[in-house]
């Protein structure tokens, strides 16, 4: 299976994304694997790899790209509340419905 980084150009900047492709020759059916609220992390990459190993071309876009690079979140710390939750909520608020629809159009 191949895994590659790809930068998608949007009207708001560069959306860093990853692609996961099955072994062998395509074409393959495509899937956009949208991240959850905690953002891109190893668990999501493993899920995307699993989809690719089942024969799908998978795109995993970073929907928090508007905020620039950020340190990964520790779910246990986020769910305790406090500064980690505040930091996460600041990113989540950048992901409005209108922005996500525009991002999805670029992904397609």
Foldseek 3Di string as FASTA:
>chain_A
DDKDWDWFQAPLGTWIKMKEAAPDDDDFAEDEQEDDLQWDDPVSVVVRNVVRPVGYTYMYIGLLPNVPDDDGADVVVLVVDDPSVVVSVVSVVVNDPVSVVRVVVRVD
